[in-house]
N, C-alpha and C. Protein backbone atom coordinates (compact mmCIF):
# COMPACT_ATOMS: atom_id res chain seq x y z
N UNK A 1 -17.25 7.90 3.10
CA UNK A 1 -17.04 8.72 1.68
C UNK A 1 -15.67 8.78 1.26
N UNK A 2 -15.55 8.32 -0.04
CA UNK A 2 -14.30 8.33 -0.82
C UNK A 2 -13.63 9.59 -0.93
N UNK A 3 -12.42 9.68 -1.24
CA UNK A 3 -11.52 10.87 -1.56
C UNK A 3 -10.98 10.60 -2.91
N UNK A 4 -11.29 11.59 -3.69
CA UNK A 4 -10.63 11.43 -4.97
C UNK A 4 -9.39 12.35 -5.30
N UNK A 5 -8.43 12.15 -6.00
CA UNK A 5 -7.40 12.84 -6.53
C UNK A 5 -7.05 12.52 -7.97
N UNK A 6 -6.30 13.70 -8.47
CA UNK A 6 -6.03 13.39 -9.91
C UNK A 6 -4.75 14.06 -10.05
N UNK A 7 -3.99 13.66 -11.29
CA UNK A 7 -2.95 14.18 -11.67
C UNK A 7 -3.21 15.21 -12.81
N UNK A 8 -2.85 16.12 -13.03
CA UNK A 8 -3.26 17.16 -14.04
C UNK A 8 -1.78 17.72 -14.67
N UNK A 9 -2.07 18.06 -16.12
CA UNK A 9 -0.85 18.72 -16.63
C UNK A 9 -1.21 20.33 -16.51
N UNK A 10 -0.25 21.08 -17.02
CA UNK A 10 -0.01 22.40 -16.76
C UNK A 10 -1.42 23.13 -17.20
N UNK A 11 -2.26 22.74 -18.01
CA UNK A 11 -3.50 23.24 -18.64
C UNK A 11 -4.69 22.65 -17.75
N UNK A 12 -4.21 21.98 -16.51
CA UNK A 12 -5.16 21.39 -15.74
C UNK A 12 -5.93 20.27 -16.30
N UNK A 13 -5.69 19.56 -17.38
CA UNK A 13 -6.16 18.57 -18.18
C UNK A 13 -6.00 17.12 -17.03
N UNK A 14 -6.79 16.45 -16.71
CA UNK A 14 -6.55 15.41 -15.65
C UNK A 14 -6.19 14.05 -16.44
N UNK A 15 -5.20 13.58 -16.04
CA UNK A 15 -4.85 12.36 -16.87
C UNK A 15 -4.64 11.14 -15.99
N UNK A 16 -4.67 11.12 -14.68
CA UNK A 16 -4.70 9.86 -13.89
C UNK A 16 -5.70 10.28 -12.65
N UNK A 17 -6.58 9.18 -12.53
CA UNK A 17 -7.47 9.37 -11.09
C UNK A 17 -7.04 8.36 -10.22
N UNK A 18 -7.02 8.71 -8.96
CA UNK A 18 -6.75 7.91 -7.63
C UNK A 18 -7.83 8.14 -6.81
N UNK A 19 -7.92 7.18 -5.93
CA UNK A 19 -9.09 7.26 -4.80
C UNK A 19 -8.75 6.71 -3.57
N UNK A 20 -9.15 7.15 -2.22
CA UNK A 20 -9.06 6.45 -1.06
C UNK A 20 -10.41 5.96 -1.01
N UNK A 21 -10.43 4.55 -0.83
CA UNK A 21 -11.95 4.02 -0.73
C UNK A 21 -12.07 3.59 0.79
N UNK A 22 -12.84 3.99 1.24
CA UNK A 22 -13.01 3.57 2.85
C UNK A 22 -14.21 2.57 2.90
N UNK A 23 -13.73 1.40 3.37
CA UNK A 23 -14.77 0.13 3.63
C UNK A 23 -14.32 -0.71 4.60
N UNK A 24 -15.31 -0.81 5.44
CA UNK A 24 -15.02 -1.80 6.59
C UNK A 24 -13.92 -1.35 7.56
N UNK A 25 -13.83 -0.08 7.92
CA UNK A 25 -12.77 0.44 8.66
C UNK A 25 -11.40 0.44 8.23
N UNK A 26 -11.23 0.22 6.81
CA UNK A 26 -10.01 0.04 6.20
C UNK A 26 -9.94 1.30 5.14
N UNK A 27 -8.94 1.73 4.78
CA UNK A 27 -8.59 2.57 3.44
C UNK A 27 -7.92 1.74 2.44
N UNK A 28 -8.72 1.92 1.47
CA UNK A 28 -7.73 1.19 0.20
C UNK A 28 -7.42 2.39 -0.80
N UNK A 29 -6.32 2.03 -1.06
CA UNK A 29 -5.51 3.04 -2.14
C UNK A 29 -5.50 2.61 -3.67
N UNK A 30 -6.61 3.22 -4.58
CA UNK A 30 -6.70 2.36 -5.69
C UNK A 30 -6.34 3.79 -6.98
N UNK A 31 -6.12 3.10 -8.19
CA UNK A 31 -5.77 3.87 -9.10
C UNK A 31 -6.98 3.37 -10.33
N UNK A 32 -7.44 4.32 -11.13
CA UNK A 32 -8.14 3.77 -12.20
C UNK A 32 -7.47 3.42 -13.46
N UNK A 33 -7.34 2.29 -13.83
CA UNK A 33 -6.84 1.78 -14.99
C UNK A 33 -7.84 1.85 -16.18
N UNK A 34 -7.63 2.67 -17.34
CA UNK A 34 -8.55 2.87 -18.47
C UNK A 34 -8.17 1.69 -19.34
N UNK A 35 -7.03 1.01 -19.35
CA UNK A 35 -7.03 -0.07 -20.46
C UNK A 35 -7.65 -1.50 -19.71
N UNK A 36 -7.83 -1.54 -18.66
CA UNK A 36 -8.57 -2.86 -18.04
C UNK A 36 -10.07 -2.27 -17.56
N UNK A 37 -10.00 -0.95 -17.69
CA UNK A 37 -11.33 -0.43 -17.12
C UNK A 37 -11.88 -1.05 -15.62
N UNK A 38 -10.82 -0.86 -14.82
CA UNK A 38 -11.09 -1.26 -13.50
C UNK A 38 -10.19 -0.42 -12.20
N UNK A 39 -10.64 -0.47 -11.14
CA UNK A 39 -9.73 0.12 -9.91
C UNK A 39 -8.94 -0.83 -9.66
N UNK A 40 -7.61 -0.22 -9.57
CA UNK A 40 -6.55 -1.56 -9.05
C UNK A 40 -5.92 -0.91 -7.92
N UNK A 41 -5.45 -1.83 -6.97
CA UNK A 41 -4.65 -1.25 -5.87
C UNK A 41 -3.31 -0.77 -6.21
N UNK A 42 -3.04 0.36 -5.50
CA UNK A 42 -1.71 1.09 -6.01
C UNK A 42 -0.93 1.50 -4.60
N UNK A 43 -0.02 1.87 -4.65
CA UNK A 43 0.64 2.60 -3.55
C UNK A 43 1.36 3.94 -4.62
N UNK A 44 0.87 4.25 -5.69
CA UNK A 44 1.35 5.61 -6.35
C UNK A 44 0.85 6.67 -5.91
N UNK A 45 -0.28 6.81 -4.88
CA UNK A 45 -0.86 7.94 -4.51
C UNK A 45 -0.09 8.36 -3.29
N UNK A 46 0.32 7.33 -2.39
CA UNK A 46 1.15 7.77 -1.10
C UNK A 46 2.53 8.34 -1.67
N UNK A 47 2.89 7.56 -2.69
CA UNK A 47 4.49 7.92 -3.44
C UNK A 47 4.36 9.20 -3.95
N UNK A 48 3.24 9.84 -4.41
CA UNK A 48 3.25 11.28 -5.21
C UNK A 48 3.16 12.24 -3.96
N UNK A 49 2.04 11.62 -2.63
CA UNK A 49 2.12 12.60 -1.69
C UNK A 49 3.43 12.97 -0.91
N UNK A 50 4.18 11.75 -0.73
CA UNK A 50 5.55 11.69 0.01
C UNK A 50 6.57 12.57 -0.76
N UNK A 51 6.53 12.38 -2.25
CA UNK A 51 7.35 13.19 -2.81
C UNK A 51 7.10 14.53 -3.40
N UNK A 52 5.87 14.94 -2.76
CA UNK A 52 5.50 16.13 -2.89
C UNK A 52 5.27 16.57 -4.65
N UNK A 53 4.69 15.63 -5.23
CA UNK A 53 4.28 15.80 -6.64
C UNK A 53 3.57 17.22 -7.09
N UNK A 54 3.99 17.77 -7.78
CA UNK A 54 3.14 19.08 -8.09
C UNK A 54 1.94 19.15 -9.00
N UNK A 55 1.76 17.84 -9.76
CA UNK A 55 0.61 17.44 -10.67
C UNK A 55 -0.45 16.87 -9.79
N UNK A 56 -0.37 16.55 -8.42
CA UNK A 56 -1.23 15.87 -7.80
C UNK A 56 -2.43 17.06 -7.19
N UNK A 57 -3.63 16.77 -7.51
CA UNK A 57 -4.64 17.65 -6.52
C UNK A 57 -5.91 16.71 -6.11
N UNK A 58 -6.32 17.29 -5.04
CA UNK A 58 -7.63 16.66 -4.60
C UNK A 58 -8.83 17.08 -5.22
N UNK A 59 -9.73 16.50 -5.76
CA UNK A 59 -10.93 16.72 -6.23
C UNK A 59 -12.21 16.21 -5.86
N UNK A 60 -13.21 16.76 -5.90
CA UNK A 60 -14.46 16.58 -5.61
C UNK A 60 -15.03 15.21 -6.44
N UNK A 61 -15.88 14.49 -5.73
CA UNK A 61 -16.38 13.38 -6.49
C UNK A 61 -17.22 13.60 -7.79
N UNK A 62 -17.81 14.75 -7.72
CA UNK A 62 -18.49 15.40 -9.01
C UNK A 62 -17.63 15.39 -10.22
N UNK A 63 -16.59 16.33 -9.72
CA UNK A 63 -15.35 16.48 -10.86
C UNK A 63 -14.82 15.41 -11.27
N UNK A 64 -14.65 14.30 -10.31
CA UNK A 64 -14.01 12.93 -10.83
C UNK A 64 -15.00 12.39 -11.84
N UNK A 65 -16.31 12.28 -11.63
CA UNK A 65 -17.21 11.70 -12.19
C UNK A 65 -17.24 12.23 -13.71
N UNK A 66 -17.19 13.67 -13.77
CA UNK A 66 -17.09 14.33 -15.10
C UNK A 66 -15.74 14.19 -15.87
N UNK A 67 -14.81 13.93 -15.31
CA UNK A 67 -13.64 13.77 -16.03
C UNK A 67 -13.26 12.37 -16.39
N UNK A 68 -13.60 11.62 -15.59
CA UNK A 68 -13.66 10.00 -15.78
C UNK A 68 -14.91 9.31 -15.57
N UNK A 69 -15.85 9.42 -16.58
CA UNK A 69 -17.31 8.79 -16.35
C UNK A 69 -17.15 7.19 -16.51
N UNK A 70 -16.29 6.68 -17.15
CA UNK A 70 -16.28 5.37 -17.36
C UNK A 70 -15.83 4.62 -16.01
N UNK A 71 -15.20 5.23 -15.15
CA UNK A 71 -14.76 4.98 -13.80
C UNK A 71 -15.77 4.64 -12.85
N UNK A 72 -17.13 5.38 -13.28
CA UNK A 72 -17.85 5.42 -12.26
C UNK A 72 -19.34 4.65 -13.06
N UNK A 73 -19.08 4.25 -14.13
CA UNK A 73 -20.28 3.59 -15.07
C UNK A 73 -20.82 2.41 -14.32
N UNK A 74 -20.06 1.49 -13.82
CA UNK A 74 -20.64 0.26 -13.34
C UNK A 74 -21.36 0.34 -11.81
């Protein structure tokens, strides 16, 4: 099961979507890129965790689908 994270502004409007994608005993760290309509490998999520970024929150898959429906359309 994948884990989803989002960055949100002060009003909880989500503006960036990340996921840990579990596949073949590996964990891929990906960021949704709305400009290319694709999931792209990144290290930004780890950087945000390590830096203690206050805009980052873990969200349920259902919440991610509602906030970023295009990321789940394919």
